Amino acid sequence: MATSRQKAAARRNIKKARSVQSRRAHGAHIRRRSSGLSTRQKDRMKSQTFAFPKKRKEPLNDARHVRNAVARFDQVEGVTDKERDNAWRRIRAAARKYGVHIEARGWRSLMKGGKTGRRRSR
C-alpha cells in the first residue's frame, strides 16, 4: 500500500513526464537523463559481457557498470555459488580492464543479507 507522500510524488513524476513528452512531440530537443544501456543495446551484447551470462544480469561493458555490479552483487537472486564464483572472476577481470579498484577480497564478503537472504557467519 502506498503512502500519501508516495502517491503525491508519483503524481508529480507523471506530470513531469507528460510535460516532457508533449514538448518532445512538438519538436523540442530535450536530453534524456539516463545514459545507461537501452534495451536494444543490452539485447545486442554478447553473453560473455555479463557477470551472470545465463541470466544476462550485471553488464560489464565499462567502469561504471563494473562498480555497479560489485555494489549490487548481493542482490542477484536465483544463482548458485558456482555461478557467483564465475561471476566474481568476470567482475575482477573487467575491473582490471577498466581500472576499477575493488577492496573486497571475495564475493562472500559482499553478502550482507540483501535480497538473497544470506548473511555472513560470525
PDB file of N, CA and C in Angstrom:
ATOM      1  N   MET A   1       0.841  -1.157   0.000  1.00  0.00           N
ATOM      2  CA  MET A   1       0.000   0.000   0.000  1.00  0.00           C
ATOM      3  C   MET A   1       0.903   1.243   0.000  1.00  0.00           C
ATOM      4  N   ALA A   2       0.638   2.137  -0.891  1.00  0.00           N
ATOM      5  CA  ALA A   2       1.447   3.340  -0.995  1.00  0.00           C
ATOM      6  C   ALA A   2       0.950   4.408  -0.013  1.00  0.00           C
ATOM      7  N   THR A   3       1.884   5.179   0.498  1.00  0.00           N
ATOM      8  CA  THR A   3       1.520   6.259   1.413  1.00  0.00           C
ATOM      9  C   THR A   3       1.069   7.470   0.610  1.00  0.00           C
ATOM     10  N   SER A   4       0.464   8.417   1.253  1.00  0.00           N
ATOM     11  CA  SER A   4       0.008   9.622   0.554  1.00  0.00           C
ATOM     12  C   SER A   4       1.198  10.406  -0.001  1.00  0.00           C
ATOM     13  N   ARG A   5       2.319  10.350   0.700  1.00  0.00           N
ATOM     14  CA  ARG A   5       3.524  11.035   0.230  1.00  0.00           C
ATOM     15  C   ARG A   5       4.057  10.391  -1.064  1.00  0.00           C
ATOM     16  N   GLN A   6       4.031   9.042  -1.105  1.00  0.00           N
ATOM     17  CA  GLN A   6       4.469   8.333  -2.305  1.00  0.00           C
ATOM     18  C   GLN A   6       3.533   8.616  -3.476  1.00  0.00           C
ATOM     19  N   LYS A   7       2.234   8.660  -3.193  1.00  0.00           N
ATOM     20  CA  LYS A   7       1.253   8.945  -4.248  1.00  0.00           C
ATOM     21  C   LYS A   7       1.457  10.346  -4.824  1.00  0.00           C
ATOM     22  N   ALA A   8       1.727  11.313  -3.942  1.00  0.00           N
ATOM     23  CA  ALA A   8       1.961  12.690  -4.396  1.00  0.00           C
ATOM     24  C   ALA A   8       3.213  12.763  -5.263  1.00  0.00           C
ATOM     25  N   ALA A   9       4.262  12.049  -4.857  1.00  0.00           N
ATOM     26  CA  ALA A   9       5.491  12.038  -5.647  1.00  0.00           C
ATOM     27  C   ALA A   9       5.242  11.385  -7.005  1.00  0.00           C
ATOM     28  N   ALA A  10       4.467  10.321  -7.027  1.00  0.00           N
ATOM     29  CA  ALA A  10       4.151   9.653  -8.294  1.00  0.00           C
ATOM     30  C   ALA A  10       3.362  10.581  -9.207  1.00  0.00           C
ATOM     31  N   ARG A  11       2.407  11.331  -8.650  1.00  0.00           N
ATOM     32  CA  ARG A  11       1.635  12.285  -9.464  1.00  0.00           C
ATOM     33  C   ARG A  11       2.540  13.360 -10.061  1.00  0.00           C
ATOM     34  N   ARG A  12       3.492  13.862  -9.245  1.00  0.00           N
ATOM     35  CA  ARG A  12       4.433  14.870  -9.765  1.00  0.00           C
ATOM     36  C   ARG A  12       5.284  14.297 -10.902  1.00  0.00           C
ATOM     37  N   ASN A  13       5.759  13.065 -10.722  1.00  0.00           N
ATOM     38  CA  ASN A  13       6.585  12.429 -11.756  1.00  0.00           C
ATOM     39  C   ASN A  13       5.805  12.222 -13.047  1.00  0.00           C
ATOM     40  N   ILE A  14       4.554  11.811 -12.925  1.00  0.00           N
ATOM     41  CA  ILE A  14       3.725  11.618 -14.116  1.00  0.00           C
ATOM     42  C   ILE A  14       3.489  12.940 -14.818  1.00  0.00           C
ATOM     43  N   LYS A  15       3.236  13.979 -14.039  1.00  0.00           N
ATOM     44  CA  LYS A  15       3.002  15.304 -14.613  1.00  0.00           C
ATOM     45  C   LYS A  15       4.244  15.792 -15.381  1.00  0.00           C
ATOM     46  N   LYS A  16       5.435  15.595 -14.786  1.00  0.00           N
ATOM     47  CA  LYS A  16       6.688  15.981 -15.459  1.00  0.00           C
ATOM     48  C   LYS A  16       6.883  15.182 -16.743  1.00  0.00           C
ATOM     49  N   ALA A  17       6.641  13.880 -16.661  1.00  0.00           N
ATOM     50  CA  ALA A  17       6.844  13.017 -17.824  1.00  0.00           C
ATOM     51  C   ALA A  17       5.917  13.400 -18.966  1.00  0.00           C
ATOM     52  N   ARG A  18       4.672  13.701 -18.654  1.00  0.00           N
ATOM     53  CA  ARG A  18       3.723  14.115 -19.695  1.00  0.00           C
ATOM     54  C   ARG A  18       4.132  15.436 -20.319  1.00  0.00           C
ATOM     55  N   SER A  19       4.617  16.342 -19.488  1.00  0.00           N
ATOM     56  CA  SER A  19       5.056  17.649 -19.990  1.00  0.00           C
ATOM     57  C   SER A  19       6.233  17.489 -20.958  1.00  0.00           C
ATOM     58  N   VAL A  20       7.217  16.700 -20.563  1.00  0.00           N
ATOM     59  CA  VAL A  20       8.394  16.476 -21.407  1.00  0.00           C
ATOM     60  C   VAL A  20       7.991  15.771 -22.698  1.00  0.00           C
ATOM     61  N   GLN A  21       7.124  14.769 -22.577  1.00  0.00           N
ATOM     62  CA  GLN A  21       6.677  14.029 -23.757  1.00  0.00           C
ATOM     63  C   GLN A  21       5.960  14.959 -24.735  1.00  0.00           C
ATOM     64  N   SER A  22       5.145  15.845 -24.219  1.00  0.00           N
ATOM     65  CA  SER A  22       4.422  16.781 -25.060  1.00  0.00           C
ATOM     66  C   SER A  22       5.380  17.744 -25.768  1.00  0.00           C
ATOM     67  N   ARG A  23       6.362  18.256 -25.014  1.00  0.00           N
ATOM     68  CA  ARG A  23       7.325  19.180 -25.628  1.00  0.00           C
ATOM     69  C   ARG A  23       8.152  18.491 -26.699  1.00  0.00           C
ATOM     70  N   ARG A  24       8.537  17.209 -26.456  1.00  0.00           N
ATOM     71  CA  ARG A  24       9.270  16.454 -27.472  1.00  0.00           C
ATOM     72  C   ARG A  24       8.414  16.258 -28.717  1.00  0.00           C
ATOM     73  N   ALA A  25       7.140  15.967 -28.516  1.00  0.00           N
ATOM     74  CA  ALA A  25       6.229  15.747 -29.634  1.00  0.00           C
ATOM     75  C   ALA A  25       6.054  17.003 -30.473  1.00  0.00           C
ATOM     76  N   HIS A  26       6.235  18.155 -29.849  1.00  0.00           N
ATOM     77  CA  HIS A  26       6.116  19.422 -30.570  1.00  0.00           C
ATOM     78  C   HIS A  26       7.465  19.968 -31.038  1.00  0.00           C
ATOM     79  N   GLY A  27       8.475  19.117 -31.075  1.00  0.00           N
ATOM     80  CA  GLY A  27       9.743  19.489 -31.688  1.00  0.00           C
ATOM     81  C   GLY A  27      10.844  19.962 -30.768  1.00  0.00           C
ATOM     82  N   ALA A  28      10.595  20.038 -29.488  1.00  0.00           N
ATOM     83  CA  ALA A  28      11.636  20.490 -28.565  1.00  0.00           C
ATOM     84  C   ALA A  28      12.678  19.382 -28.392  1.00  0.00           C
ATOM     85  N   HIS A  29      13.936  19.779 -28.341  1.00  0.00           N
ATOM     86  CA  HIS A  29      15.006  18.802 -28.123  1.00  0.00           C
ATOM     87  C   HIS A  29      15.348  18.801 -26.638  1.00  0.00           C
ATOM     88  N   ILE A  30      14.946  17.741 -25.973  1.00  0.00           N
ATOM     89  CA  ILE A  30      15.168  17.620 -24.537  1.00  0.00           C
ATOM     90  C   ILE A  30      16.026  16.387 -24.314  1.00  0.00           C
ATOM     91  N   ARG A  31      17.177  16.584 -23.672  1.00  0.00           N
ATOM     92  CA  ARG A  31      18.091  15.474 -23.416  1.00  0.00           C
ATOM     93  C   ARG A  31      17.478  14.494 -22.432  1.00  0.00           C
ATOM     94  N   ARG A  32      17.809  13.246 -22.647  1.00  0.00           N
ATOM     95  CA  ARG A  32      17.359  12.209 -21.720  1.00  0.00           C
ATOM     96  C   ARG A  32      18.353  12.151 -20.567  1.00  0.00           C
ATOM     97  N   ARG A  33      17.861  11.920 -19.365  1.00  0.00           N
ATOM     98  CA  ARG A  33      18.729  11.876 -18.196  1.00  0.00           C
ATOM     99  C   ARG A  33      19.580  10.623 -18.163  1.00  0.00           C
ATOM    100  N   SER A  34      18.979   9.506 -18.507  1.00  0.00           N
ATOM    101  CA  SER A  34      19.672   8.235 -18.376  1.00  0.00           C
ATOM    102  C   SER A  34      20.716   8.064 -19.462  1.00  0.00           C
ATOM    103  N   SER A  35      21.943   7.764 -19.048  1.00  0.00           N
ATOM    104  CA  SER A  35      22.981   7.473 -20.015  1.00  0.00           C
ATOM    105  C   SER A  35      23.292   5.981 -19.980  1.00  0.00           C
ATOM    106  N   GLY A  36      22.411   5.217 -19.358  1.00  0.00           N
ATOM    107  CA  GLY A  36      22.580   3.774 -19.250  1.00  0.00           C
ATOM    108  C   GLY A  36      22.292   3.085 -20.566  1.00  0.00           C
ATOM    109  N   LEU A  37      22.343   1.774 -20.533  1.00  0.00           N
ATOM    110  CA  LEU A  37      22.112   0.986 -21.728  1.00  0.00           C
ATOM    111  C   LEU A  37      20.632   0.920 -22.054  1.00  0.00           C
ATOM    112  N   SER A  38      20.318   1.020 -23.335  1.00  0.00           N
ATOM    113  CA  SER A  38      18.938   0.809 -23.750  1.00  0.00           C
ATOM    114  C   SER A  38      18.693  -0.693 -23.826  1.00  0.00           C
ATOM    115  N   THR A  39      17.450  -1.075 -23.919  1.00  0.00           N
ATOM    116  CA  THR A  39      17.110  -2.497 -24.028  1.00  0.00           C
ATOM    117  C   THR A  39      17.711  -3.081 -25.294  1.00  0.00           C
ATOM    118  N   ARG A  40      17.689  -2.319 -26.352  1.00  0.00           N
ATOM    119  CA  ARG A  40      18.255  -2.785 -27.621  1.00  0.00           C
ATOM    120  C   ARG A  40      19.757  -3.026 -27.502  1.00  0.00           C
ATOM    121  N   GLN A  41      20.453  -2.090 -26.866  1.00  0.00           N
ATOM    122  CA  GLN A  41      21.890  -2.262 -26.671  1.00  0.00           C
ATOM    123  C   GLN A  41      22.182  -3.484 -25.803  1.00  0.00           C
ATOM    124  N   LYS A  42      21.395  -3.655 -24.757  1.00  0.00           N
ATOM    125  CA  LYS A  42      21.587  -4.776 -23.853  1.00  0.00           C
ATOM    126  C   LYS A  42      21.333  -6.104 -24.568  1.00  0.00           C
ATOM    127  N   ASP A  43      20.307  -6.132 -25.410  1.00  0.00           N
ATOM    128  CA  ASP A  43      19.978  -7.353 -26.152  1.00  0.00           C
ATOM    129  C   ASP A  43      21.056  -7.719 -27.170  1.00  0.00           C
ATOM    130  N   ARG A  44      21.754  -6.732 -27.691  1.00  0.00           N
ATOM    131  CA  ARG A  44      22.788  -6.989 -28.696  1.00  0.00           C
ATOM    132  C   ARG A  44      24.139  -7.383 -28.091  1.00  0.00           C
ATOM    133  N   MET A  45      24.281  -7.216 -26.784  1.00  0.00           N
ATOM    134  CA  MET A  45      25.551  -7.540 -26.143  1.00  0.00           C
ATOM    135  C   MET A  45      25.748  -9.050 -26.095  1.00  0.00           C
ATOM    136  N   LYS A  46      26.991  -9.471 -26.205  1.00  0.00           N
ATOM    137  CA  LYS A  46      27.311 -10.891 -26.076  1.00  0.00           C
ATOM    138  C   LYS A  46      27.104 -11.315 -24.629  1.00  0.00           C
ATOM    139  N   SER A  47      26.752 -12.564 -24.433  1.00  0.00           N
ATOM    140  CA  SER A  47      26.522 -13.080 -23.081  1.00  0.00           C
ATOM    141  C   SER A  47      27.769 -12.975 -22.220  1.00  0.00           C
ATOM    142  N   GLN A  48      28.943 -13.069 -22.827  1.00  0.00           N
ATOM    143  CA  GLN A  48      30.189 -13.040 -22.067  1.00  0.00           C
ATOM    144  C   GLN A  48      30.458 -11.680 -21.434  1.00  0.00           C
ATOM    145  N   THR A  49      29.756 -10.639 -21.856  1.00  0.00           N
ATOM    146  CA  THR A  49      29.984  -9.316 -21.270  1.00  0.00           C
ATOM    147  C   THR A  49      29.160  -9.097 -20.000  1.00  0.00           C
ATOM    148  N   PHE A  50      28.415 -10.106 -19.570  1.00  0.00           N
ATOM    149  CA  PHE A  50      27.633 -10.023 -18.343  1.00  0.00           C
ATOM    150  C   PHE A  50      28.328 -10.806 -17.241  1.00  0.00           C
ATOM    151  N   ALA A  51      28.162 -10.377 -16.009  1.00  0.00           N
ATOM    152  CA  ALA A  51      28.720 -11.118 -14.886  1.00  0.00           C
ATOM    153  C   ALA A  51      28.020 -12.471 -14.758  1.00  0.00           C
ATOM    154  N   PHE A  52      26.722 -12.485 -14.972  1.00  0.00           N
ATOM    155  CA  PHE A  52      25.924 -13.710 -14.940  1.00  0.00           C
ATOM    156  C   PHE A  52      25.370 -13.949 -16.342  1.00  0.00           C
ATOM    157  N   PRO A  53      26.130 -14.629 -17.214  1.00  0.00           N
ATOM    158  CA  PRO A  53      25.738 -14.739 -18.617  1.00  0.00           C
ATOM    159  C   PRO A  53      24.443 -15.508 -18.863  1.00  0.00           C
ATOM    160  N   LYS A  54      24.146 -16.534 -18.078  1.00  0.00           N
ATOM    161  CA  LYS A  54      22.907 -17.297 -18.299  1.00  0.00           C
ATOM    162  C   LYS A  54      21.679 -16.444 -18.022  1.00  0.00           C
ATOM    163  N   LYS A  55      21.758 -15.608 -17.011  1.00  0.00           N
ATOM    164  CA  LYS A  55      20.638 -14.740 -16.634  1.00  0.00           C
ATOM    165  C   LYS A  55      20.727 -13.374 -17.326  1.00  0.00           C
ATOM    166  N   ARG A  56      21.876 -13.100 -17.966  1.00  0.00           N
ATOM    167  CA  ARG A  56      22.152 -11.805 -18.610  1.00  0.00           C
ATOM    168  C   ARG A  56      21.955 -10.655 -17.610  1.00  0.00           C
ATOM    169  N   LYS A  57      22.573 -10.832 -16.433  1.00  0.00           N
ATOM    170  CA  LYS A  57      22.493  -9.812 -15.389  1.00  0.00           C
ATOM    171  C   LYS A  57      23.864  -9.205 -15.159  1.00  0.00           C
ATOM    172  N   GLU A  58      23.876  -7.961 -14.776  1.00  0.00           N
ATOM    173  CA  GLU A  58      25.082  -7.199 -14.439  1.00  0.00           C
ATOM    174  C   GLU A  58      26.050  -7.075 -15.625  1.00  0.00           C
ATOM    175  N   PRO A  59      25.741  -6.174 -16.565  1.00  0.00           N
ATOM    176  CA  PRO A  59      26.662  -5.961 -17.693  1.00  0.00           C
ATOM    177  C   PRO A  59      27.996  -5.384 -17.213  1.00  0.00           C
ATOM    178  N   LEU A  60      29.066  -5.752 -17.906  1.00  0.00           N
ATOM    179  CA  LEU A  60      30.419  -5.314 -17.523  1.00  0.00           C
ATOM    180  C   LEU A  60      31.104  -4.625 -18.699  1.00  0.00           C
ATOM    181  N   ASN A  61      30.430  -3.672 -19.325  1.00  0.00           N
ATOM    182  CA  ASN A  61      30.968  -3.063 -20.528  1.00  0.00           C
ATOM    183  C   ASN A  61      31.712  -1.747 -20.300  1.00  0.00           C
ATOM    184  N   ASP A  62      31.718  -1.223 -19.084  1.00  0.00           N
ATOM    185  CA  ASP A  62      32.524  -0.037 -18.776  1.00  0.00           C
ATOM    186  C   ASP A  62      32.728   0.045 -17.269  1.00  0.00           C
ATOM    187  N   ALA A  63      33.525   0.997 -16.831  1.00  0.00           N
ATOM    188  CA  ALA A  63      33.885   1.109 -15.412  1.00  0.00           C
ATOM    189  C   ALA A  63      32.661   1.347 -14.532  1.00  0.00           C
ATOM    190  N   ARG A  64      31.737   2.161 -15.001  1.00  0.00           N
ATOM    191  CA  ARG A  64      30.536   2.462 -14.211  1.00  0.00           C
ATOM    192  C   ARG A  64      29.719   1.197 -13.957  1.00  0.00           C
ATOM    193  N   HIS A  65      29.571   0.372 -15.003  1.00  0.00           N
ATOM    194  CA  HIS A  65      28.813  -0.862 -14.836  1.00  0.00           C
ATOM    195  C   HIS A  65      29.551  -1.868 -13.938  1.00  0.00           C
ATOM    196  N   VAL A  66      30.868  -1.860 -13.992  1.00  0.00           N
ATOM    197  CA  VAL A  66      31.635  -2.765 -13.116  1.00  0.00           C
ATOM    198  C   VAL A  66      31.429  -2.377 -11.660  1.00  0.00           C
ATOM    199  N   ARG A  67      31.511  -1.084 -11.355  1.00  0.00           N
ATOM    200  CA  ARG A  67      31.278  -0.623  -9.982  1.00  0.00           C
ATOM    201  C   ARG A  67      29.862  -0.964  -9.525  1.00  0.00           C
ATOM    202  N   ASN A  68      28.905  -0.807 -10.434  1.00  0.00           N
ATOM    203  CA  ASN A  68      27.515  -1.126 -10.108  1.00  0.00           C
ATOM    204  C   ASN A  68      27.336  -2.627  -9.866  1.00  0.00           C
ATOM    205  N   ALA A  69      28.030  -3.465 -10.646  1.00  0.00           N
ATOM    206  CA  ALA A  69      27.938  -4.921 -10.467  1.00  0.00           C
ATOM    207  C   ALA A  69      28.459  -5.335  -9.102  1.00  0.00           C
ATOM    208  N   VAL A  70      29.529  -4.697  -8.659  1.00  0.00           N
ATOM    209  CA  VAL A  70      30.081  -5.007  -7.333  1.00  0.00           C
ATOM    210  C   VAL A  70      29.102  -4.551  -6.251  1.00  0.00           C
ATOM    211  N   ALA A  71      28.548  -3.362  -6.414  1.00  0.00           N
ATOM    212  CA  ALA A  71      27.635  -2.818  -5.407  1.00  0.00           C
ATOM    213  C   ALA A  71      26.362  -3.641  -5.279  1.00  0.00           C
ATOM    214  N   ARG A  72      25.906  -4.230  -6.368  1.00  0.00           N
ATOM    215  CA  ARG A  72      24.639  -4.956  -6.357  1.00  0.00           C
ATOM    216  C   ARG A  72      24.810  -6.465  -6.378  1.00  0.00           C
ATOM    217  N   PHE A  73      26.007  -6.935  -6.163  1.00  0.00           N
ATOM    218  CA  PHE A  73      26.301  -8.369  -6.263  1.00  0.00           C
ATOM    219  C   PHE A  73      25.417  -9.196  -5.335  1.00  0.00           C
ATOM    220  N   ASP A  74      25.158  -8.703  -4.133  1.00  0.00           N
ATOM    221  CA  ASP A  74      24.361  -9.477  -3.176  1.00  0.00           C
ATOM    222  C   ASP A  74      22.868  -9.438  -3.479  1.00  0.00           C
ATOM    223  N   GLN A  75      22.440  -8.656  -4.455  1.00  0.00           N
ATOM    224  CA  GLN A  75      21.023  -8.552  -4.790  1.00  0.00           C
ATOM    225  C   GLN A  75      20.592  -9.519  -5.894  1.00  0.00           C
ATOM    226  N   VAL A  76      21.539 -10.177  -6.532  1.00  0.00           N
ATOM    227  CA  VAL A  76      21.200 -11.097  -7.622  1.00  0.00           C
ATOM    228  C   VAL A  76      20.599 -12.360  -7.027  1.00  0.00           C
ATOM    229  N   GLU A  77      19.422 -12.724  -7.516  1.00  0.00           N
ATOM    230  CA  GLU A  77      18.705 -13.879  -6.989  1.00  0.00           C
ATOM    231  C   GLU A  77      18.759 -15.039  -7.969  1.00  0.00           C
ATOM    232  N   GLY A  78      18.598 -16.242  -7.444  1.00  0.00           N
ATOM    233  CA  GLY A  78      18.441 -17.422  -8.287  1.00  0.00           C
ATOM    234  C   GLY A  78      19.709 -17.912  -8.954  1.00  0.00           C
ATOM    235  N   VAL A  79      20.863 -17.720  -8.320  1.00  0.00           N
ATOM    236  CA  VAL A  79      22.118 -18.221  -8.881  1.00  0.00           C
ATOM    237  C   VAL A  79      22.831 -19.067  -7.829  1.00  0.00           C
ATOM    238  N   THR A  80      23.613 -20.013  -8.301  1.00  0.00           N
ATOM    239  CA  THR A  80      24.333 -20.904  -7.398  1.00  0.00           C
ATOM    240  C   THR A  80      25.658 -20.277  -6.969  1.00  0.00           C
ATOM    241  N   ASP A  81      26.291 -20.899  -5.977  1.00  0.00           N
ATOM    242  CA  ASP A  81      27.602 -20.415  -5.529  1.00  0.00           C
ATOM    243  C   ASP A  81      28.633 -20.533  -6.644  1.00  0.00           C
ATOM    244  N   LYS A  82      28.532 -21.581  -7.458  1.00  0.00           N
ATOM    245  CA  LYS A  82      29.471 -21.749  -8.576  1.00  0.00           C
ATOM    246  C   LYS A  82      29.301 -20.617  -9.585  1.00  0.00           C
ATOM    247  N   GLU A  83      28.059 -20.237  -9.867  1.00  0.00           N
ATOM    248  CA  GLU A  83      27.816 -19.117 -10.776  1.00  0.00           C
ATOM    249  C   GLU A  83      28.337 -17.812 -10.177  1.00  0.00           C
ATOM    250  N   ARG A  84      28.202 -17.657  -8.875  1.00  0.00           N
ATOM    251  CA  ARG A  84      28.739 -16.461  -8.211  1.00  0.00           C
ATOM    252  C   ARG A  84      30.272 -16.424  -8.297  1.00  0.00           C
ATOM    253  N   ASP A  85      30.914 -17.594  -8.123  1.00  0.00           N
ATOM    254  CA  ASP A  85      32.373 -17.653  -8.262  1.00  0.00           C
ATOM    255  C   ASP A  85      32.799 -17.208  -9.655  1.00  0.00           C
ATOM    256  N   ASN A  86      32.129 -17.743 -10.670  1.00  0.00           N
ATOM    257  CA  ASN A  86      32.461 -17.373 -12.048  1.00  0.00           C
ATOM    258  C   ASN A  86      32.178 -15.899 -12.318  1.00  0.00           C
ATOM    259  N   ALA A  87      31.056 -15.412 -11.792  1.00  0.00           N
ATOM    260  CA  ALA A  87      30.720 -14.000 -11.981  1.00  0.00           C
ATOM    261  C   ALA A  87      31.755 -13.104 -11.315  1.00  0.00           C
ATOM    262  N   TRP A  88      32.214 -13.503 -10.116  1.00  0.00           N
ATOM    263  CA  TRP A  88      33.220 -12.694  -9.415  1.00  0.00           C
ATOM    264  C   TRP A  88      34.513 -12.635 -10.221  1.00  0.00           C
ATOM    265  N   ARG A  89      34.889 -13.767 -10.843  1.00  0.00           N
ATOM    266  CA  ARG A  89      36.086 -13.764 -11.701  1.00  0.00           C
ATOM    267  C   ARG A  89      35.905 -12.798 -12.868  1.00  0.00           C
ATOM    268  N   ARG A  90      34.732 -12.816 -13.492  1.00  0.00           N
ATOM    269  CA  ARG A  90      34.469 -11.905 -14.619  1.00  0.00           C
ATOM    270  C   ARG A  90      34.507 -10.450 -14.165  1.00  0.00           C
ATOM    271  N   ILE A  91      33.941 -10.180 -12.991  1.00  0.00           N
ATOM    272  CA  ILE A  91      33.926  -8.804 -12.476  1.00  0.00           C
ATOM    273  C   ILE A  91      35.347  -8.327 -12.191  1.00  0.00           C
ATOM    274  N   ARG A  92      36.166  -9.184 -11.568  1.00  0.00           N
ATOM    275  CA  ARG A  92      37.554  -8.796 -11.279  1.00  0.00           C
ATOM    276  C   ARG A  92      38.337  -8.550 -12.564  1.00  0.00           C
ATOM    277  N   ALA A  93      38.127  -9.385 -13.582  1.00  0.00           N
ATOM    278  CA  ALA A  93      38.817  -9.187 -14.859  1.00  0.00           C
ATOM    279  C   ALA A  93      38.386  -7.868 -15.503  1.00  0.00           C
ATOM    280  N   ALA A  94      37.090  -7.583 -15.464  1.00  0.00           N
ATOM    281  CA  ALA A  94      36.592  -6.325 -16.025  1.00  0.00           C
ATOM    282  C   ALA A  94      37.111  -5.135 -15.232  1.00  0.00           C
ATOM    283  N   ALA A  95      37.225  -5.289 -13.915  1.00  0.00           N
ATOM    284  CA  ALA A  95      37.745  -4.210 -13.075  1.00  0.00           C
ATOM    285  C   ALA A  95      39.195  -3.899 -13.447  1.00  0.00           C
ATOM    286  N   ARG A  96      39.991  -4.945 -13.667  1.00  0.00           N
ATOM    287  CA  ARG A  96      41.384  -4.709 -14.097  1.00  0.00           C
ATOM    288  C   ARG A  96      41.409  -4.025 -15.462  1.00  0.00           C
ATOM    289  N   LYS A  97      40.539  -4.449 -16.355  1.00  0.00           N
ATOM    290  CA  LYS A  97      40.495  -3.879 -17.710  1.00  0.00           C
ATOM    291  C   LYS A  97      40.147  -2.389 -17.691  1.00  0.00           C
ATOM    292  N   TYR A  98      39.186  -2.009 -16.843  1.00  0.00           N
ATOM    293  CA  TYR A  98      38.720  -0.626 -16.818  1.00  0.00           C
ATOM    294  C   TYR A  98      39.336   0.209 -15.694  1.00  0.00           C
ATOM    295  N   GLY A  99      40.266  -0.361 -14.939  1.00  0.00           N
ATOM    296  CA  GLY A  99      40.963   0.389 -13.911  1.00  0.00           C
ATOM    297  C   GLY A  99      40.134   0.668 -12.661  1.00  0.00           C
ATOM    298  N   VAL A 100      39.244  -0.239 -12.310  1.00  0.00           N
ATOM    299  CA  VAL A 100      38.409  -0.073 -11.123  1.00  0.00           C
ATOM    300  C   VAL A 100      39.054  -0.831  -9.968  1.00  0.00           C
ATOM    301  N   HIS A 101      39.211  -0.163  -8.838  1.00  0.00           N
ATOM    302  CA  HIS A 101      39.804  -0.797  -7.657  1.00  0.00           C
ATOM    303  C   HIS A 101      38.700  -1.440  -6.817  1.00  0.00           C
ATOM    304  N   ILE A 102      38.863  -2.728  -6.519  1.00  0.00           N
ATOM    305  CA  ILE A 102      37.905  -3.451  -5.682  1.00  0.00           C
ATOM    306  C   ILE A 102      38.606  -3.828  -4.386  1.00  0.00           C
ATOM    307  N   GLU A 103      38.057  -3.373  -3.256  1.00  0.00           N
ATOM    308  CA  GLU A 103      38.674  -3.658  -1.968  1.00  0.00           C
ATOM    309  C   GLU A 103      38.301  -5.031  -1.421  1.00  0.00           C
ATOM    310  N   ALA A 104      37.128  -5.533  -1.783  1.00  0.00           N
ATOM    311  CA  ALA A 104      36.665  -6.819  -1.257  1.00  0.00           C
ATOM    312  C   ALA A 104      37.572  -7.938  -1.753  1.00  0.00           C
ATOM    313  N   ARG A 105      37.899  -8.849  -0.844  1.00  0.00           N
ATOM    314  CA  ARG A 105      38.784  -9.962  -1.214  1.00  0.00           C
ATOM    315  C   ARG A 105      38.030 -11.049  -1.964  1.00  0.00           C
ATOM    316  N   GLY A 106      36.759 -11.164  -1.738  1.00  0.00           N
ATOM    317  CA  GLY A 106      35.952 -12.179  -2.399  1.00  0.00           C
ATOM    318  C   GLY A 106      34.486 -11.808  -2.340  1.00  0.00           C
ATOM    319  N   TRP A 107      33.661 -12.518  -3.115  1.00  0.00           N
ATOM    320  CA  TRP A 107      32.249 -12.157  -3.164  1.00  0.00           C
ATOM    321  C   TRP A 107      31.530 -12.449  -1.859  1.00  0.00           C
ATOM    322  N   ARG A 108      32.025 -13.386  -1.085  1.00  0.00           N
ATOM    323  CA  ARG A 108      31.360 -13.718   0.170  1.00  0.00           C
ATOM    324  C   ARG A 108      31.404 -12.549   1.165  1.00  0.00           C
ATOM    325  N   SER A 109      32.410 -11.711   1.050  1.00  0.00           N
ATOM    326  CA  SER A 109      32.491 -10.554   1.944  1.00  0.00           C
ATOM    327  C   SER A 109      31.457  -9.486   1.571  1.00  0.00           C
ATOM    328  N   LEU A 110      30.877  -9.597   0.373  1.00  0.00           N
ATOM    329  CA  LEU A 110      29.860  -8.634  -0.045  1.00  0.00           C
ATOM    330  C   LEU A 110      28.461  -9.019   0.402  1.00  0.00           C
ATOM    331  N   MET A 111      28.286 -10.274   0.780  1.00  0.00           N
ATOM    332  CA  MET A 111      26.956 -10.770   1.130  1.00  0.00           C
ATOM    333  C   MET A 111      26.563 -10.264   2.512  1.00  0.00           C
ATOM    334  N   LYS A 112      25.686  -9.286   2.527  1.00  0.00           N
ATOM    335  CA  LYS A 112      25.282  -8.676   3.789  1.00  0.00           C
ATOM    336  C   LYS A 112      23.799  -8.875   4.060  1.00  0.00           C
ATOM    337  N   GLY A 113      23.212  -9.891   3.435  1.00  0.00           N
ATOM    338  CA  GLY A 113      21.789 -10.145   3.668  1.00  0.00           C
ATOM    339  C   GLY A 113      20.896  -9.297   2.795  1.00  0.00           C
ATOM    340  N   GLY A 114      21.281  -9.083   1.547  1.00  0.00           N
ATOM    341  CA  GLY A 114      20.422  -8.376   0.601  1.00  0.00           C
ATOM    342  C   GLY A 114      19.236  -9.248   0.231  1.00  0.00           C
ATOM    343  N   LYS A 115      18.784  -9.188  -0.988  1.00  0.00           N
ATOM    344  CA  LYS A 115      17.634  -9.960  -1.419  1.00  0.00           C
ATOM    345  C   LYS A 115      17.904 -11.464  -1.361  1.00  0.00           C
ATOM    346  N   THR A 116      19.142 -11.841  -1.402  1.00  0.00           N
ATOM    347  CA  THR A 116      19.461 -13.265  -1.384  1.00  0.00           C
ATOM    348  C   THR A 116      19.210 -13.861  -0.022  1.00  0.00           C
ATOM    349  N   GLY A 117      19.134 -13.044   1.011  1.00  0.00           N
ATOM    350  CA  GLY A 117      18.851 -13.535   2.346  1.00  0.00           C
ATOM    351  C   GLY A 117      20.061 -14.160   3.033  1.00  0.00           C
ATOM    352  N   ARG A 118      21.215 -14.112   2.404  1.00  0.00           N
ATOM    353  CA  ARG A 118      22.403 -14.705   3.003  1.00  0.00           C
ATOM    354  C   ARG A 118      23.020 -13.722   3.985  1.00  0.00           C
ATOM    355  N   ARG A 119      23.574 -14.277   4.993  1.00  0.00           N
ATOM    356  CA  ARG A 119      24.302 -13.450   5.952  1.00  0.00           C
ATOM    357  C   ARG A 119      25.635 -14.086   6.211  1.00  0.00           C
ATOM    358  N   ARG A 120      26.580 -13.277   6.473  1.00  0.00           N
ATOM    359  CA  ARG A 120      27.919 -13.775   6.794  1.00  0.00           C
ATOM    360  C   ARG A 120      27.911 -14.397   8.174  1.00  0.00           C
ATOM    361  N   SER A 121      28.460 -15.567   8.291  1.00  0.00           N
ATOM    362  CA  SER A 121      28.501 -16.219   9.603  1.00  0.00           C
ATOM    363  C   SER A 121      29.506 -15.511  10.502  1.00  0.00           C
ATOM    364  N   ARG A 122      29.185 -15.469  11.764  1.00  0.00           N
ATOM    365  CA  ARG A 122      30.044 -14.730  12.705  1.00  0.00           C
ATOM    366  C   ARG A 122      30.913 -15.654  13.479  1.00  0.00           C
TER     367      ARG A 122
END
